[in-house]
């Protein structure tokens, strides 16, 4: 699996991690790159990277739902 050292070529991944961390840790979320990379590594080690995509799906669902309601 790919090792992430920075987000230079992965801005979408960084945004997904930020969204995931905000929802998971709420006001305790630490959103600097080092902590985001650590969170990515933890998800990867625990075979839980799917949570990033589920979070993105939820955000898109809520965003699209609010647009269709006016």
C-alpha atoms as a PDB file:
ATOM      1  CA  UNK A   1       0.000   0.000   0.000  1.00  0.00           C
ATOM      2  CA  UNK A   2       1.154   3.555  -0.671  1.00  0.00           C
ATOM      3  CA  UNK A   3       2.867   5.402   2.163  1.00  0.00           C
ATOM      4  CA  UNK A   4       1.790   9.034   2.554  1.00  0.00           C
ATOM      5  CA  UNK A   5       4.507  11.466   3.651  1.00  0.00           C
ATOM      6  CA  UNK A   6       2.784  14.708   2.703  1.00  0.00           C
ATOM      7  CA  UNK A   7      -0.252  15.962   0.844  1.00  0.00           C
ATOM      8  CA  UNK A   8       1.591  17.711  -1.991  1.00  0.00           C
ATOM      9  CA  UNK A   9       0.095  15.362  -4.587  1.00  0.00           C
ATOM     10  CA  UNK A  10      -2.930  14.314  -2.521  1.00  0.00           C
ATOM     11  CA  UNK A  11      -5.059  17.396  -1.737  1.00  0.00           C
ATOM     12  CA  UNK A  12      -8.275  15.376  -2.124  1.00  0.00           C
ATOM     13  CA  UNK A  13      -7.055  12.841   0.437  1.00  0.00           C
ATOM     14  CA  UNK A  14      -6.203  15.663   2.831  1.00  0.00           C
ATOM     15  CA  UNK A  15      -9.709  17.102   2.474  1.00  0.00           C
ATOM     16  CA  UNK A  16     -11.255  13.665   3.051  1.00  0.00           C
ATOM     17  CA  UNK A  17      -9.158  13.208   6.198  1.00  0.00           C
ATOM     18  CA  UNK A  18     -10.091  16.670   7.487  1.00  0.00           C
ATOM     19  CA  UNK A  19     -13.807  15.927   7.003  1.00  0.00           C
ATOM     20  CA  UNK A  20     -13.450  12.528   8.664  1.00  0.00           C
ATOM     21  CA  UNK A  21     -11.514  13.916  11.631  1.00  0.00           C
ATOM     22  CA  UNK A  22     -13.944  16.784  12.176  1.00  0.00           C
ATOM     23  CA  UNK A  23     -16.892  14.407  12.259  1.00  0.00           C
ATOM     24  CA  UNK A  24     -15.080  11.819  14.387  1.00  0.00           C
ATOM     25  CA  UNK A  25     -13.330  14.053  16.913  1.00  0.00           C
ATOM     26  CA  UNK A  26     -15.491  17.187  16.660  1.00  0.00           C
ATOM     27  CA  UNK A  27     -13.901  20.069  18.630  1.00  0.00           C
ATOM     28  CA  UNK A  28     -10.928  17.878  19.621  1.00  0.00           C
ATOM     29  CA  UNK A  29      -9.849  17.363  15.991  1.00  0.00           C
ATOM     30  CA  UNK A  30      -6.235  18.291  15.254  1.00  0.00           C
ATOM     31  CA  UNK A  31      -5.993  19.099  11.579  1.00  0.00           C
ATOM     32  CA  UNK A  32      -2.312  19.705  10.875  1.00  0.00           C
ATOM     33  CA  UNK A  33      -0.678  17.535   8.243  1.00  0.00           C
ATOM     34  CA  UNK A  34       1.312  15.415  10.701  1.00  0.00           C
ATOM     35  CA  UNK A  35      -1.792  14.390  12.653  1.00  0.00           C
ATOM     36  CA  UNK A  36      -3.772  13.781   9.464  1.00  0.00           C
ATOM     37  CA  UNK A  37      -1.053  11.467   8.195  1.00  0.00           C
ATOM     38  CA  UNK A  38      -1.083   9.635  11.525  1.00  0.00           C
ATOM     39  CA  UNK A  39      -4.856   9.223  11.256  1.00  0.00           C
ATOM     40  CA  UNK A  40      -4.451   7.880   7.716  1.00  0.00           C
ATOM     41  CA  UNK A  41      -1.846   5.382   8.912  1.00  0.00           C
ATOM     42  CA  UNK A  42      -4.115   4.271  11.759  1.00  0.00           C
ATOM     43  CA  UNK A  43      -7.034   3.750   9.383  1.00  0.00           C
ATOM     44  CA  UNK A  44      -4.768   1.874   6.986  1.00  0.00           C
ATOM     45  CA  UNK A  45      -3.337  -0.386   9.713  1.00  0.00           C
ATOM     46  CA  UNK A  46      -6.821  -1.202  10.994  1.00  0.00           C
ATOM     47  CA  UNK A  47      -8.130  -1.814   7.464  1.00  0.00           C
ATOM     48  CA  UNK A  48     -10.641   1.029   7.915  1.00  0.00           C
ATOM     49  CA  UNK A  49      -9.871   3.324   4.989  1.00  0.00           C
ATOM     50  CA  UNK A  50     -13.432   2.783   3.805  1.00  0.00           C
ATOM     51  CA  UNK A  51     -14.515   5.249   6.512  1.00  0.00           C
ATOM     52  CA  UNK A  52     -13.015   8.074   4.423  1.00  0.00           C
ATOM     53  CA  UNK A  53     -15.201   7.167   1.465  1.00  0.00           C
ATOM     54  CA  UNK A  54     -18.277   6.687   3.632  1.00  0.00           C
ATOM     55  CA  UNK A  55     -17.712  10.167   5.063  1.00  0.00           C
ATOM     56  CA  UNK A  56     -17.395  11.627   1.565  1.00  0.00           C
ATOM     57  CA  UNK A  57     -20.576   9.823   0.498  1.00  0.00           C
ATOM     58  CA  UNK A  58     -22.451  11.212   3.514  1.00  0.00           C
ATOM     59  CA  UNK A  59     -21.268  14.764   2.847  1.00  0.00           C
ATOM     60  CA  UNK A  60     -22.257  14.533  -0.828  1.00  0.00           C
ATOM     61  CA  UNK A  61     -25.618  13.008   0.069  1.00  0.00           C
ATOM     62  CA  UNK A  62     -26.380  15.791   2.546  1.00  0.00           C
ATOM     63  CA  UNK A  63     -25.156  18.449   0.125  1.00  0.00           C
ATOM     64  CA  UNK A  64     -27.241  17.109  -2.781  1.00  0.00           C
ATOM     65  CA  UNK A  65     -30.258  16.632  -0.541  1.00  0.00           C
ATOM     66  CA  UNK A  66     -30.151  20.223   0.651  1.00  0.00           C
ATOM     67  CA  UNK A  67     -29.860  21.493  -2.950  1.00  0.00           C
ATOM     68  CA  UNK A  68     -32.892  19.541  -4.123  1.00  0.00           C
ATOM     69  CA  UNK A  69     -35.007  20.815  -1.249  1.00  0.00           C
ATOM     70  CA  UNK A  70     -34.580  24.379  -2.285  1.00  0.00           C
END
